[in-house]
Protein backbone atom coordinates (compact mmCIF):
# COMPACT_ATOMS: atom_id res chain seq x y z
CA MET A 1 -12.12 5.85 -11.50
CA ALA A 2 -13.81 7.72 -14.22
CA ASP A 3 -16.50 9.39 -11.79
CA LEU A 4 -13.64 11.33 -9.83
CA GLU A 5 -11.99 14.57 -10.60
CA LYS A 6 -8.17 13.98 -11.64
CA VAL A 7 -5.07 15.28 -12.30
CA LEU A 8 -3.15 13.51 -15.12
CA ILE A 9 0.75 12.99 -14.64
CA LEU A 10 2.44 12.61 -17.97
CA ASP A 11 5.49 10.34 -17.14
CA PHE A 12 8.76 11.31 -18.94
CA GLY A 13 10.83 8.79 -16.97
CA SER A 14 11.50 10.69 -13.57
CA GLN A 15 12.57 8.64 -10.51
CA TYR A 16 9.92 10.86 -8.75
CA THR A 17 6.88 10.41 -11.04
CA GLN A 18 5.01 8.08 -8.51
CA LEU A 19 5.90 10.45 -5.63
CA ILE A 20 4.01 13.19 -7.54
CA ALA A 21 0.97 11.03 -7.69
CA ARG A 22 1.16 10.19 -4.04
CA LYS A 23 1.65 13.72 -2.91
CA THR A 24 -1.33 14.84 -4.89
CA ARG A 25 -3.59 11.97 -3.51
CA GLU A 26 -2.32 13.23 0.11
CA LEU A 27 -3.82 16.72 -0.83
CA GLY A 28 -7.13 15.11 -1.58
CA VAL A 29 -6.82 14.93 -5.26
CA TYR A 30 -7.07 11.81 -7.29
CA SER A 31 -4.26 11.29 -9.73
CA GLU A 32 -3.42 8.89 -12.52
CA ILE A 33 -0.03 8.35 -14.37
CA LEU A 34 0.11 7.90 -18.07
CA ALA A 35 3.06 7.50 -20.35
CA TYR A 36 4.15 10.77 -22.07
CA ASN A 37 3.24 9.42 -25.51
CA HIS A 38 -0.38 8.86 -25.09
CA SER A 39 -2.40 10.59 -27.80
CA LEU A 40 -4.46 13.86 -27.29
CA LYS A 41 -7.68 11.81 -27.68
CA GLU A 42 -6.68 9.58 -24.85
CA ILE A 43 -5.74 12.34 -22.46
CA ARG A 44 -9.15 14.14 -23.28
CA ASN A 45 -10.88 10.85 -22.68
CA HIS A 46 -9.56 11.03 -18.94
CA HIS A 47 -11.41 14.34 -18.69
CA PRO A 48 -8.50 15.88 -16.33
CA ARG A 49 -8.87 19.04 -14.52
CA GLY A 50 -5.18 19.57 -14.48
CA ILE A 51 -2.04 17.97 -16.08
CA ILE A 52 1.38 17.74 -14.57
CA LEU A 53 4.56 16.89 -16.82
CA SER A 54 7.03 15.01 -14.67
CA GLY A 55 10.92 15.18 -14.66
CA GLY A 56 13.04 12.81 -16.70
CA PRO A 57 16.59 11.97 -17.46
CA GLN A 58 16.72 13.07 -20.98
CA SER A 59 17.71 16.51 -22.66
CA VAL A 60 14.89 18.24 -24.68
CA TYR A 61 17.61 19.31 -27.52
CA THR A 62 18.61 15.50 -28.30
CA ASP A 63 17.33 13.59 -31.17
CA ASN A 64 15.70 10.90 -28.98
CA ALA A 65 14.12 13.12 -26.44
CA PRO A 66 10.52 12.31 -25.35
CA TYR A 67 8.08 15.03 -26.75
CA ILE A 68 4.41 15.79 -26.50
CA SER A 69 2.06 17.53 -29.05
CA THR A 70 2.09 21.40 -28.52
CA GLU A 71 -1.78 20.87 -29.03
CA ILE A 72 -1.81 19.87 -25.32
CA PHE A 73 -1.17 23.44 -24.47
CA GLU A 74 -4.30 24.52 -26.36
CA LEU A 75 -6.75 22.40 -24.26
CA GLY A 76 -7.45 24.99 -21.98
CA ILE A 77 -6.55 22.75 -19.09
CA PRO A 78 -4.00 23.98 -16.42
CA ILE A 79 -0.57 22.42 -16.80
CA LEU A 80 2.38 22.31 -14.55
CA GLY A 81 5.67 21.26 -15.86
CA ILE A 82 8.32 20.09 -13.34
CA CYS A 83 12.14 19.90 -14.12
CA TYR A 84 12.05 18.27 -17.52
CA GLY A 85 8.55 19.17 -17.79
CA LEU A 86 9.33 23.13 -17.50
CA GLN A 87 12.05 22.49 -19.96
CA LEU A 88 10.13 20.88 -22.46
CA THR A 89 7.25 23.43 -22.27
CA ALA A 90 9.80 26.23 -22.84
CA HIS A 91 11.34 24.26 -25.68
CA LEU A 92 8.03 23.44 -27.34
CA LEU A 93 6.59 26.86 -26.94
CA GLY A 94 9.55 29.05 -28.41
CA GLY A 95 12.01 29.34 -25.53
CA LYS A 96 15.42 28.03 -25.44
CA VAL A 97 17.18 25.15 -23.50
CA SER A 98 20.70 24.66 -23.12
CA PRO A 99 23.40 22.74 -21.03
CA SER A 100 23.98 24.40 -17.89
CA ASN A 101 27.59 25.49 -16.98
CA GLU A 102 26.65 25.04 -13.28
CA ARG A 103 24.53 22.18 -12.72
CA GLU A 104 22.31 21.79 -9.59
CA PHE A 105 21.92 18.56 -7.78
CA GLY A 106 20.50 18.73 -4.26
CA ARG A 107 19.41 21.65 -2.07
CA ALA A 108 19.29 25.12 -3.44
CA PHE A 109 17.75 28.39 -2.10
CA LEU A 110 14.73 29.72 -4.03
CA GLU A 111 13.81 33.35 -3.93
CA ILE A 112 10.18 34.17 -4.69
CA THR A 113 9.87 37.22 -7.14
CA GLU A 114 6.03 37.15 -7.61
CA SER A 115 3.88 35.90 -4.85
CA THR A 116 0.98 34.97 -7.07
CA SER A 117 -0.29 31.77 -8.76
CA LEU A 118 1.92 28.86 -7.50
CA PHE A 119 3.21 31.06 -4.80
CA THR A 120 0.00 32.43 -3.23
CA GLY A 121 0.47 32.73 0.46
CA PHE A 122 4.34 33.13 0.09
CA GLU A 123 6.23 36.28 0.73
CA ARG A 124 7.76 38.32 -2.12
CA SER A 125 11.59 37.84 -1.68
CA GLU A 126 11.04 34.97 0.64
CA ARG A 127 13.77 32.38 0.56
CA SER A 128 13.26 28.62 1.08
CA THR A 129 15.00 25.41 0.39
CA VAL A 130 14.10 23.40 -2.71
CA TRP A 131 15.40 20.20 -4.33
CA MET A 132 17.18 20.40 -7.66
CA SER A 133 18.06 17.75 -10.01
CA HIS A 134 19.15 19.14 -13.38
CA GLY A 135 22.13 19.50 -15.77
CA ASP A 136 20.09 21.81 -18.49
CA ARG A 137 18.80 25.09 -17.89
CA VAL A 138 16.12 27.38 -19.61
CA ASP A 139 18.17 30.30 -21.32
CA ARG A 140 15.03 32.16 -22.84
CA LEU A 141 11.37 32.06 -21.79
CA PRO A 142 8.71 31.63 -24.45
CA PRO A 143 6.66 34.58 -25.38
CA GLY A 144 4.03 35.35 -22.90
CA PHE A 145 6.02 33.78 -19.91
CA SER A 146 7.35 35.56 -16.87
CA THR A 147 9.75 34.52 -13.80
CA THR A 148 8.07 34.10 -10.35
CA ALA A 149 11.04 32.46 -8.55
CA ARG A 150 14.89 32.07 -8.94
CA THR A 151 17.99 30.42 -7.31
CA GLU A 152 21.63 31.74 -7.44
CA ASN A 153 22.22 29.45 -10.45
CA CYS A 154 18.81 29.32 -11.99
CA SER A 155 17.29 32.48 -13.32
CA PHE A 156 13.95 30.73 -14.14
CA ALA A 157 13.46 28.56 -11.23
CA ALA A 158 9.74 29.10 -11.60
CA VAL A 159 7.80 30.48 -14.63
CA GLU A 160 4.21 30.97 -15.58
CA ASN A 161 2.03 32.21 -18.35
CA ALA A 162 -0.91 32.98 -16.25
CA GLU A 163 -3.21 33.77 -19.13
CA ARG A 164 -2.98 30.40 -20.60
CA ARG A 165 -2.57 28.78 -17.07
CA ILE A 166 0.76 27.11 -18.00
CA TYR A 167 3.37 26.90 -15.17
CA GLY A 168 6.76 25.49 -14.69
CA VAL A 169 9.21 24.96 -11.86
CA GLN A 170 12.84 23.76 -12.23
CA PHE A 171 12.92 22.18 -8.72
CA HIS A 172 10.87 19.17 -7.35
CA PRO A 173 8.05 20.31 -5.17
CA GLU A 174 7.05 16.65 -4.67
CA VAL A 175 10.12 15.76 -2.50
CA ALA A 176 10.30 16.30 1.24
CA HIS A 177 13.69 18.21 0.89
CA THR A 178 11.54 21.05 -0.85
CA GLU A 179 10.41 22.95 2.36
CA ARG A 180 7.21 24.52 1.03
CA GLY A 181 6.48 22.00 -1.83
CA MET A 182 3.15 20.61 -0.72
CA GLU A 183 1.83 24.32 -0.58
CA LEU A 184 2.99 24.90 -3.99
CA LEU A 185 1.23 21.93 -5.30
CA ASP A 186 -2.04 22.76 -3.34
CA ASN A 187 -1.87 26.22 -4.90
CA PHE A 188 -1.67 24.56 -8.38
CA LEU A 189 -4.56 21.99 -7.68
CA VAL A 190 -6.95 24.02 -5.71
CA ASN A 191 -6.47 27.74 -6.72
CA ILE A 192 -5.53 27.12 -10.49
CA CYS A 193 -7.28 23.97 -11.29
CA GLY A 194 -10.17 24.15 -8.95
CA PHE A 195 -10.06 20.87 -7.45
CA ARG A 196 -12.63 20.30 -4.45
CA LYS A 197 -10.42 17.85 -2.69
CA THR A 198 -12.79 14.89 -2.80
CA TRP A 199 -10.33 12.14 -2.71
CA SER A 200 -9.72 9.78 0.37
CA VAL A 201 -9.20 6.19 1.13
CA GLY A 202 -12.46 6.48 3.16
CA SER A 203 -14.46 7.66 0.16
CA PHE A 204 -12.67 4.88 -1.88
CA ILE A 205 -14.57 2.04 0.09
CA ASP A 206 -17.98 2.97 -0.79
CA ARG A 207 -17.33 3.36 -4.28
CA GLU A 208 -15.28 0.15 -4.70
CA ILE A 209 -17.97 -2.04 -2.76
CA GLU A 210 -20.54 -0.70 -5.20
CA ALA A 211 -18.40 -1.50 -8.22
CA ILE A 212 -17.63 -4.97 -6.76
CA ARG A 213 -21.37 -5.71 -6.21
CA LYS A 214 -22.02 -4.33 -9.76
CA GLN A 215 -19.52 -6.61 -11.33
CA VAL A 216 -19.79 -9.74 -9.37
CA GLY A 217 -23.64 -9.93 -8.87
CA LYS A 218 -24.67 -13.01 -7.04
CA GLY A 219 -21.47 -14.59 -8.44
CA THR A 220 -18.70 -16.17 -6.13
CA VAL A 221 -15.12 -14.69 -6.01
CA LEU A 222 -11.99 -16.86 -5.24
CA CYS A 223 -9.38 -14.93 -3.22
CA ALA A 224 -5.88 -16.39 -2.52
CA LEU A 225 -5.13 -15.24 1.31
CA SER A 226 -1.48 -15.28 1.94
CA GLY A 227 -1.69 -13.05 5.25
CA GLY A 228 0.07 -10.34 3.75
CA VAL A 229 -1.14 -6.73 3.59
CA ASP A 230 -2.39 -6.81 -0.02
CA SER A 231 -4.16 -10.02 -0.08
CA SER A 232 -5.72 -9.37 3.54
CA VAL A 233 -7.18 -6.09 2.53
CA VAL A 234 -8.49 -7.65 -0.81
CA ALA A 235 -10.28 -10.23 1.19
CA ALA A 236 -11.55 -7.85 3.93
CA LEU A 237 -12.98 -5.53 1.27
CA LEU A 238 -14.62 -8.42 -0.72
CA GLY A 239 -16.03 -9.86 2.51
CA ARG A 240 -17.64 -6.27 3.12
CA ALA A 241 -19.00 -6.19 -0.41
CA ILE A 242 -20.21 -9.71 -0.99
CA GLY A 243 -19.90 -11.61 2.31
CA LYS A 244 -19.91 -15.43 2.10
CA ASN A 245 -19.65 -15.09 -1.63
CA THR A 246 -16.03 -14.54 -1.14
CA LYS A 247 -14.16 -17.79 -0.85
CA ALA A 248 -10.87 -16.83 0.85
CA VAL A 249 -8.32 -19.81 0.50
CA PHE A 250 -5.44 -19.57 2.89
CA ILE A 251 -2.68 -22.15 2.07
CA ASP A 252 -0.32 -22.81 4.90
CA ASN A 253 2.74 -24.11 3.19
CA GLY A 254 4.74 -24.43 6.50
CA LEU A 255 7.22 -21.71 5.39
CA LEU A 256 5.56 -18.94 7.12
CA ARG A 257 6.96 -17.21 10.23
CA LYS A 258 6.33 -18.60 13.64
CA LYS A 259 2.52 -18.75 14.64
CA GLU A 260 1.65 -16.70 11.57
CA GLY A 261 -0.50 -19.19 10.03
CA GLN A 262 -2.68 -19.52 13.07
CA ASP A 263 -2.81 -15.56 13.38
CA VAL A 264 -4.26 -15.36 9.74
CA VAL A 265 -6.87 -17.97 10.66
CA ASP A 266 -7.83 -16.30 13.90
CA THR A 267 -8.08 -12.82 12.23
CA PHE A 268 -10.21 -13.91 9.69
CA SER A 269 -12.39 -16.34 11.41
CA ASN A 270 -13.84 -13.43 13.58
CA GLY A 271 -15.34 -10.19 12.40
CA PHE A 272 -15.15 -10.65 8.67
CA ALA A 273 -18.18 -11.72 6.52
CA LEU A 274 -16.28 -13.95 4.03
CA ASP A 275 -16.06 -17.86 3.87
CA LEU A 276 -12.34 -18.65 5.00
CA ILE A 277 -10.98 -21.99 3.75
CA ALA A 278 -7.70 -22.81 5.53
CA VAL A 279 -5.56 -25.59 3.97
CA ASP A 280 -2.66 -26.98 5.96
CA ALA A 281 -0.31 -28.15 3.09
CA SER A 282 3.05 -27.94 5.17
CA VAL A 283 3.86 -31.52 5.00
CA ARG A 284 3.26 -31.57 1.11
CA PHE A 285 5.62 -28.53 0.54
CA LEU A 286 8.36 -29.99 2.81
CA ASP A 287 8.20 -33.22 1.22
CA ALA A 288 8.51 -31.63 -2.29
CA LEU A 289 11.56 -29.58 -1.13
CA LYS A 290 13.27 -32.42 0.30
CA GLY A 291 17.06 -32.49 -0.64
CA VAL A 292 16.88 -29.36 -2.71
CA THR A 293 19.41 -26.52 -2.18
CA ASP A 294 19.25 -24.51 -5.35
CA PRO A 295 17.17 -21.28 -4.82
CA GLU A 296 15.63 -21.06 -8.15
CA LYS A 297 14.54 -24.75 -7.98
CA LYS A 298 12.99 -24.11 -4.57
CA ARG A 299 10.93 -21.02 -5.82
CA LYS A 300 9.79 -23.18 -8.79
CA ILE A 301 8.79 -26.13 -6.55
CA ILE A 302 6.85 -23.68 -4.25
CA GLY A 303 5.11 -21.99 -7.12
CA ARG A 304 4.19 -25.46 -8.61
CA GLU A 305 2.83 -26.79 -5.41
CA PHE A 306 0.93 -23.82 -4.64
CA ILE A 307 -0.85 -23.93 -7.96
CA ALA A 308 -1.72 -27.49 -7.62
CA VAL A 309 -3.26 -26.99 -4.09
CA PHE A 310 -4.93 -23.79 -4.95
CA GLU A 311 -6.52 -25.38 -8.23
CA ASN A 312 -7.66 -28.55 -6.44
CA LYS A 313 -9.36 -26.43 -3.75
CA ALA A 314 -11.10 -24.24 -6.54
CA LEU A 315 -12.41 -27.18 -8.26
CA ASP A 316 -13.71 -28.73 -4.97
CA LEU A 317 -15.72 -25.37 -4.45
CA GLY A 318 -17.54 -25.75 -7.80
CA ASN A 319 -18.90 -22.93 -9.40
CA ILE A 320 -16.42 -20.00 -9.16
CA GLU A 321 -16.69 -17.27 -11.54
CA PHE A 322 -14.18 -14.57 -10.34
CA LEU A 323 -10.55 -14.49 -9.17
CA ALA A 324 -9.34 -11.60 -6.98
CA GLN A 325 -5.96 -10.40 -6.93
CA GLY A 326 -4.12 -7.89 -4.88
CA THR A 327 -2.50 -5.94 -7.76
CA LEU A 328 -1.52 -2.37 -6.74
CA TYR A 329 -1.18 0.92 -8.70
CA PRO A 330 2.65 0.66 -9.02
CA ASP A 331 2.07 -2.58 -10.76
CA VAL A 332 -0.32 -1.14 -13.27
CA ILE A 333 1.80 1.94 -14.00
CA GLU A 334 4.87 -0.15 -14.46
CA SER A 335 3.15 -1.55 -17.60
CA VAL A 336 2.39 1.91 -19.17
CA SER A 337 5.46 3.92 -18.00
CA PHE A 338 7.94 5.89 -19.74
CA LYS A 339 10.09 2.87 -20.02
CA GLY A 340 7.87 1.04 -22.35
CA PRO A 341 4.68 -1.15 -22.28
CA SER A 342 4.54 -4.59 -20.84
CA ALA A 343 1.85 -7.09 -21.31
CA THR A 344 1.78 -8.74 -17.95
CA ILE A 345 1.65 -7.80 -14.38
CA LYS A 346 4.46 -8.74 -12.23
CA SER A 347 4.50 -12.56 -11.56
CA HIS A 348 4.47 -12.24 -7.78
CA HIS A 349 1.15 -10.51 -7.95
CA ASN A 350 -0.30 -13.23 -10.00
CA VAL A 351 -1.69 -16.08 -8.20
CA GLY A 352 1.07 -18.47 -9.36
CA GLY A 353 -0.08 -18.40 -13.02
CA LEU A 354 -3.26 -20.39 -12.79
CA PRO A 355 -4.36 -22.62 -15.66
CA ASP A 356 -6.37 -21.08 -18.46
CA THR A 357 -8.82 -23.88 -18.23
CA MET A 358 -10.14 -22.41 -14.92
CA GLN A 359 -11.67 -19.48 -17.02
CA LEU A 360 -12.05 -17.09 -14.26
CA LYS A 361 -12.73 -13.32 -14.62
CA LEU A 362 -10.33 -11.17 -12.75
CA ILE A 363 -11.06 -8.65 -9.94
CA GLU A 364 -8.38 -6.13 -8.77
CA PRO A 365 -10.08 -3.89 -6.28
CA LEU A 366 -6.75 -2.42 -5.14
CA ARG A 367 -5.27 -1.44 -8.53
CA GLU A 368 -5.95 2.24 -8.03
CA LEU A 369 -4.01 2.49 -4.80
CA PHE A 370 -0.53 2.76 -3.51
CA LYS A 371 0.85 0.67 -0.63
CA ASP A 372 0.32 3.23 1.84
CA GLU A 373 -3.23 3.73 0.77
CA VAL A 374 -3.71 0.07 1.01
CA ARG A 375 -2.58 0.00 4.58
CA GLU A 376 -4.76 2.95 5.53
CA LEU A 377 -7.62 0.99 3.79
CA GLY A 378 -6.95 -2.13 5.78
CA ARG A 379 -7.31 -0.10 9.05
CA LEU A 380 -10.62 1.39 7.91
CA LEU A 381 -11.76 -2.11 7.25
CA GLY A 382 -10.85 -3.30 10.78
CA LEU A 383 -7.75 -5.24 10.10
CA PRO A 384 -5.28 -5.44 12.96
CA GLU A 385 -2.16 -3.44 13.00
CA THR A 386 -0.24 -6.83 13.01
CA ILE A 387 -1.41 -7.45 9.37
CA VAL A 388 -1.79 -3.94 8.24
CA GLY A 389 1.77 -2.83 9.37
CA ARG A 390 3.55 -6.18 8.66
CA HIS A 391 6.99 -6.10 6.93
CA PRO A 392 7.12 -7.37 3.44
CA PHE A 393 7.65 -11.21 3.26
CA PRO A 394 8.81 -13.01 0.22
CA GLY A 395 6.30 -15.55 -1.62
CA PRO A 396 8.40 -18.39 -0.98
CA GLY A 397 8.71 -17.66 2.47
CA LEU A 398 11.46 -19.00 4.75
CA ALA A 399 12.50 -21.18 2.05
CA VAL A 400 14.74 -18.27 0.62
CA ARG A 401 15.97 -17.44 4.24
CA ILE A 402 17.29 -21.09 4.90
CA LEU A 403 20.32 -21.47 2.61
CA GLY A 404 20.61 -25.01 1.68
CA GLU A 405 18.27 -27.76 2.43
CA ILE A 406 14.84 -27.14 4.03
CA THR A 407 14.22 -29.48 6.83
CA LYS A 408 11.53 -29.39 9.50
CA GLU A 409 14.57 -29.20 12.13
CA ARG A 410 16.00 -26.03 10.24
CA LEU A 411 12.57 -24.55 9.92
CA GLU A 412 11.89 -24.70 13.51
CA ILE A 413 15.33 -23.06 14.43
CA LEU A 414 14.68 -20.06 12.04
CA LYS A 415 11.21 -19.66 13.06
CA ASN A 416 12.24 -19.37 16.52
CA ALA A 417 15.17 -16.89 15.86
CA ASP A 418 13.01 -14.79 13.66
CA ALA A 419 10.40 -14.73 16.21
CA ILE A 420 12.81 -13.16 18.71
CA ILE A 421 14.20 -10.73 16.16
CA ARG A 422 10.55 -9.37 15.48
CA HIS A 423 9.80 -9.28 19.33
CA GLU A 424 12.80 -7.32 20.27
CA ILE A 425 12.60 -4.66 17.44
CA LYS A 426 8.89 -4.28 18.28
CA ASP A 427 9.61 -3.85 22.00
CA ALA A 428 12.32 -1.34 21.17
CA GLY A 429 9.79 0.67 19.18
CA LEU A 430 11.74 0.34 16.10
CA TYR A 431 9.51 -1.90 13.91
CA ASN A 432 8.04 0.95 11.96
CA ASP A 433 11.34 2.58 11.07
CA ILE A 434 12.54 -0.69 9.33
CA TRP A 435 11.66 -1.81 6.09
CA GLN A 436 12.13 -5.49 6.68
CA ALA A 437 13.98 -7.25 9.67
CA PHE A 438 14.47 -11.07 9.56
CA GLY A 439 16.85 -13.99 10.27
CA VAL A 440 18.69 -15.95 7.88
CA LEU A 441 20.10 -19.64 8.66
CA LEU A 442 23.37 -20.39 7.03
CA PRO A 443 24.38 -23.74 5.76
CA VAL A 444 27.43 -23.67 7.87
CA LYS A 445 28.30 -24.34 11.51
CA SER A 446 30.78 -22.61 13.92
CA VAL A 447 32.54 -23.62 17.13
CA GLY A 448 31.22 -22.45 20.50
CA VAL A 449 31.38 -22.80 24.15
CA MET A 450 28.16 -23.14 26.17
CA GLY A 451 28.78 -23.78 30.00
CA ASP A 452 31.64 -26.18 29.92
CA GLU A 453 30.96 -27.70 26.60
CA ARG A 454 32.08 -27.05 23.35
CA THR A 455 29.33 -26.74 20.56
CA TYR A 456 29.09 -26.92 16.81
CA GLU A 457 26.12 -25.26 15.75
CA HIS A 458 24.44 -23.03 13.14
CA VAL A 459 25.13 -19.35 12.36
CA CYS A 460 22.00 -16.96 12.09
CA VAL A 461 22.43 -13.76 10.17
CA LEU A 462 20.37 -10.72 11.31
CA ARG A 463 19.34 -8.51 8.33
CA ALA A 464 17.42 -5.31 8.68
CA VAL A 465 17.17 -2.46 6.21
CA THR A 466 15.47 0.74 5.29
CA SER A 467 13.85 1.37 2.14
CA ILE A 468 10.79 3.34 0.63
CA ASP A 469 10.14 0.73 -2.39
CA GLY A 470 12.39 -2.12 -2.04
CA MET A 471 14.34 -1.01 -5.43
CA THR A 472 17.16 0.17 -3.30
CA ALA A 473 17.91 -0.36 0.69
CA ASP A 474 20.44 0.59 3.28
CA TRP A 475 21.32 -1.54 6.20
CA TYR A 476 19.65 -0.35 9.43
CA ARG A 477 21.73 1.22 12.11
CA PHE A 478 20.60 -0.64 15.19
CA PRO A 479 21.30 0.81 18.67
CA TYR A 480 23.89 -1.45 20.23
CA PRO A 481 21.84 -2.64 23.26
CA VAL A 482 19.13 -3.92 20.93
CA LEU A 483 21.55 -5.85 18.87
CA GLU A 484 23.03 -7.33 22.22
CA ARG A 485 19.59 -8.25 23.31
CA ILE A 486 18.71 -10.02 20.00
CA SER A 487 21.97 -11.96 19.88
CA SER A 488 21.88 -12.91 23.42
CA ARG A 489 18.37 -14.22 23.32
CA ILE A 490 18.75 -16.25 20.11
CA ILE A 491 21.98 -17.98 21.31
CA SER A 492 20.27 -18.62 24.84
CA GLU A 493 16.95 -19.68 23.78
CA VAL A 494 17.28 -21.21 20.42
CA ARG A 495 18.86 -24.57 20.36
CA GLY A 496 20.96 -25.13 17.27
CA ILE A 497 22.38 -21.57 16.93
CA ASN A 498 25.68 -20.61 18.76
CA ARG A 499 26.52 -17.38 16.76
CA VAL A 500 24.76 -14.31 15.43
CA VAL A 501 26.20 -11.87 12.71
CA TYR A 502 24.63 -8.81 11.33
CA ASP A 503 24.51 -8.10 7.51
CA ILE A 504 25.63 -4.54 6.74
CA SER A 505 25.39 -4.64 2.93
CA SER A 506 23.19 -2.21 1.08
CA LYS A 507 21.03 -2.69 -2.02
CA PRO A 508 22.80 -2.41 -4.47
CA PRO A 509 25.10 -4.17 -4.64
CA SER A 510 23.61 -6.78 -2.56
CA THR A 511 19.90 -7.99 -2.52
CA ILE A 512 17.84 -7.68 0.55
CA GLU A 513 17.14 -11.49 0.64
CA TRP A 514 19.90 -13.78 0.66
CA GLU A 515 18.43 -16.10 -2.02
């Protein structure tokens, strides 16, 4: 978004880099992340009003440490170094960084020594909690720098050269554990950099609609609509921009959750100015999966069939010029991160790898947004909460939640059990506290007793996890009465299940899905 004021975040490999970007946007300032090794010319071409140097796992005094040119400090642009960013600033400008005898990981108490610049609005000698994560320390400041805050084990917890507008903090203001971190960031962005805080998802809509209309003209855009958050928001945004020139193709593969296919059709058939094309391919997918038990084969078959159905429908539609994808900003920056460049977007964000013969130009209207911003955008576009707040759902659908062969009978059993799980956690007000909650049908049966008869039926696993990004996850601690209701209802109401178990594995070492 070249027309926006922006702060650039140079990534040195911190686990918190994306969080810095999200927090600056929450403060009304548009942010972009670049790998640390971008050239000075490339940085200038972004016309940043401020630069933030992220943390990172390396030590500045090692041979393979990621460095930047000292010329960046001569640009006259305010710079804030966080953790490794502070240490790198000190190291490059004539200070000294050494291994710390007393490393700090976790909470520490920060004492403000100068209530200016980053600490405008703070009281001198005020103590607050901050989050530390470092094994090195600054032993000597560069010429012209002074201390503005310290902790018991860190004499230079915050430093500045106000004349050159260069600042640094050893702690992480972007994490929730730092009590007044957002105020510190706001001071840097507004008081030091002079941002006017013009970024919002609401302002994004008008800009992006204008950009879509300019790019597409009178052309037609093909959009694969899965019913998930990202594709639904893309479809709604395109519909707002170009109306019926949006061909939203929804392929029901029969592997969706109970009534989900009809919900998608009902939602986009009313109130959204696009051309919805619903394809019921459930029989085709089920036939293709007959007898298949290997999870990787399931995925390949589903991907192959999706491409075939989607391509056939695209050819039927005739003159299509553009293809829309729900690529998000984390997918974009993954290809330019500290860890190294990648030539492709994640495969699950590509519409199945459509053939080159289709010659479609790509449109990615969400590529500047984080997931929480996409959800907010969906609400502003009028999408129902049932879609906007939906838990993540795997591309292969219930095929990877039914272990073993996929049959019509086993699909129906799992759909009914899964519907009960979702209903009960929503009824208990727990849905938004959980990253994902779902049922898994095992390829084993267990003995049971119902009434006066013995049964030999399926086992259903309840899986529920908390997470921020899905990279790591912990099992959710359900209140026992909710677990009891879920188990009781599934066993009583779903024919074919006589036992419910709860998965208490975290990721790692386990994965969220079972296949």
